[in-house]
């Protein structure tokens, strides 16, 4: 039952989301301990990854305060801010948010809010 709902959610989201050069996809992946965010352009084949930030990246570790990990909301928010900074460096201001099969709650929502706070527009 749970897997069926997740697959249905995945295909519903996947059918509507395509990243372009002007508006790449902001892809989120989360595991139990870490969270990852990537900007992907779907136009060239194979897809082109523009930039990536995660809770394991050196930028995260430099700005990390005590208690921040990839497994909590505050860490996810910091990853969102960092991906927004990297996006601005490569000239991207508008993105399409791809939450994959994850519900828009918790760490995924915190990452999105951090990216918005950093200046990205969804």
Protein backbone atom coordinates (compact mmCIF):
# COMPACT_ATOMS: atom_id res chain seq x y z
CA UNK A 1 0.00 0.00 0.00
CA UNK A 2 2.68 2.47 1.04
CA UNK A 3 4.88 1.64 -1.96
CA UNK A 4 1.93 2.01 -4.33
CA UNK A 5 1.16 5.50 -3.08
CA UNK A 6 4.80 6.48 -3.41
CA UNK A 7 5.02 5.18 -7.00
CA UNK A 8 1.80 6.98 -7.94
CA UNK A 9 3.13 10.22 -6.43
CA UNK A 10 6.42 9.74 -8.31
CA UNK A 11 4.77 9.38 -11.73
CA UNK A 12 2.34 12.23 -11.10
CA UNK A 13 5.20 14.57 -10.27
CA UNK A 14 7.56 13.25 -12.96
CA UNK A 15 5.01 13.79 -15.75
CA UNK A 16 4.80 17.53 -15.03
CA UNK A 17 8.41 18.48 -14.30
CA UNK A 18 11.05 19.11 -16.96
CA UNK A 19 14.08 21.29 -16.33
CA UNK A 20 15.38 23.58 -19.06
CA UNK A 21 18.45 25.78 -19.44
CA UNK A 22 16.46 28.78 -18.22
CA UNK A 23 14.73 26.95 -15.36
CA UNK A 24 16.61 23.84 -14.26
CA UNK A 25 15.14 21.29 -11.86
CA UNK A 26 16.09 21.57 -8.19
CA UNK A 27 16.18 17.86 -7.32
CA UNK A 28 16.01 16.75 -3.69
CA UNK A 29 17.21 13.43 -2.31
CA UNK A 30 17.13 12.60 1.35
CA UNK A 31 18.42 9.69 3.34
CA UNK A 32 18.16 9.09 7.05
CA UNK A 33 21.37 10.98 7.86
CA UNK A 34 21.90 13.36 4.93
CA UNK A 35 20.14 15.54 2.37
CA UNK A 36 21.23 16.39 -1.17
CA UNK A 37 20.16 19.10 -3.64
CA UNK A 38 21.13 19.29 -7.32
CA UNK A 39 20.36 21.57 -10.25
CA UNK A 40 19.69 19.52 -13.40
CA UNK A 41 19.13 20.62 -17.00
CA UNK A 42 17.03 18.00 -18.86
CA UNK A 43 17.44 19.39 -22.38
CA UNK A 44 20.73 17.76 -23.39
CA UNK A 45 20.78 13.99 -23.52
CA UNK A 46 22.02 12.70 -21.13
CA UNK A 47 20.83 15.15 -18.49
CA UNK A 48 23.36 17.72 -17.33
CA UNK A 49 23.98 18.30 -13.62
CA UNK A 50 24.83 21.97 -13.15
CA UNK A 51 25.74 21.95 -9.45
CA UNK A 52 25.21 19.93 -6.30
CA UNK A 53 25.25 20.62 -2.56
CA UNK A 54 24.76 18.14 0.24
CA UNK A 55 25.19 17.85 3.96
CA UNK A 56 28.49 16.08 3.17
CA UNK A 57 29.92 18.87 1.00
CA UNK A 58 32.79 21.08 2.24
CA UNK A 59 30.65 24.24 2.03
CA UNK A 60 28.18 22.74 4.49
CA UNK A 61 30.93 21.71 6.87
CA UNK A 62 32.45 25.22 6.80
CA UNK A 63 29.19 26.96 7.73
CA UNK A 64 27.91 24.21 10.01
CA UNK A 65 27.13 25.14 13.58
CA UNK A 66 26.81 22.74 16.48
CA UNK A 67 23.73 20.57 16.23
CA UNK A 68 23.32 20.95 12.46
CA UNK A 69 23.25 17.73 10.49
CA UNK A 70 21.69 16.60 7.24
CA UNK A 71 19.16 14.67 9.28
CA UNK A 72 17.43 17.70 10.80
CA UNK A 73 15.44 20.67 9.47
CA UNK A 74 18.07 23.29 10.30
CA UNK A 75 20.70 21.41 8.30
CA UNK A 76 18.31 21.05 5.37
CA UNK A 77 17.65 24.78 5.45
CA UNK A 78 21.39 25.46 5.29
CA UNK A 79 21.71 23.13 2.28
CA UNK A 80 18.92 25.17 0.63
CA UNK A 81 20.80 28.41 1.25
CA UNK A 82 24.00 26.93 -0.16
CA UNK A 83 22.33 25.65 -3.33
CA UNK A 84 20.81 29.11 -3.84
CA UNK A 85 24.27 30.70 -3.53
CA UNK A 86 25.77 28.25 -6.02
CA UNK A 87 22.86 28.78 -8.42
CA UNK A 88 23.41 32.54 -8.38
CA UNK A 89 27.12 32.00 -9.12
CA UNK A 90 26.23 30.15 -12.34
CA UNK A 91 23.50 32.66 -13.26
CA UNK A 92 20.34 30.75 -12.31
CA UNK A 93 17.54 32.56 -10.46
CA UNK A 94 14.43 30.55 -11.38
CA UNK A 95 14.10 26.81 -10.83
CA UNK A 96 11.48 24.07 -10.91
CA UNK A 97 11.29 22.26 -7.57
CA UNK A 98 11.43 18.47 -7.91
CA UNK A 99 10.69 16.88 -4.56
CA UNK A 100 10.84 13.38 -6.10
CA UNK A 101 8.53 11.10 -4.13
CA UNK A 102 8.91 12.93 -0.85
CA UNK A 103 6.04 14.82 0.70
CA UNK A 104 6.43 18.58 0.99
CA UNK A 105 7.00 18.54 4.73
CA UNK A 106 9.85 18.36 7.21
CA UNK A 107 13.35 18.47 5.75
CA UNK A 108 12.14 18.84 2.15
CA UNK A 109 10.08 21.89 3.08
CA UNK A 110 12.98 23.36 5.07
CA UNK A 111 15.32 22.94 2.10
CA UNK A 112 12.81 24.69 -0.18
CA UNK A 113 12.34 27.56 2.28
CA UNK A 114 16.12 27.91 2.63
CA UNK A 115 16.50 28.08 -1.15
CA UNK A 116 13.78 30.75 -1.34
CA UNK A 117 15.47 32.69 1.44
CA UNK A 118 18.69 32.49 -0.58
CA UNK A 119 16.97 34.12 -3.56
CA UNK A 120 15.75 31.28 -5.78
CA UNK A 121 12.28 31.59 -7.29
CA UNK A 122 10.10 28.52 -7.81
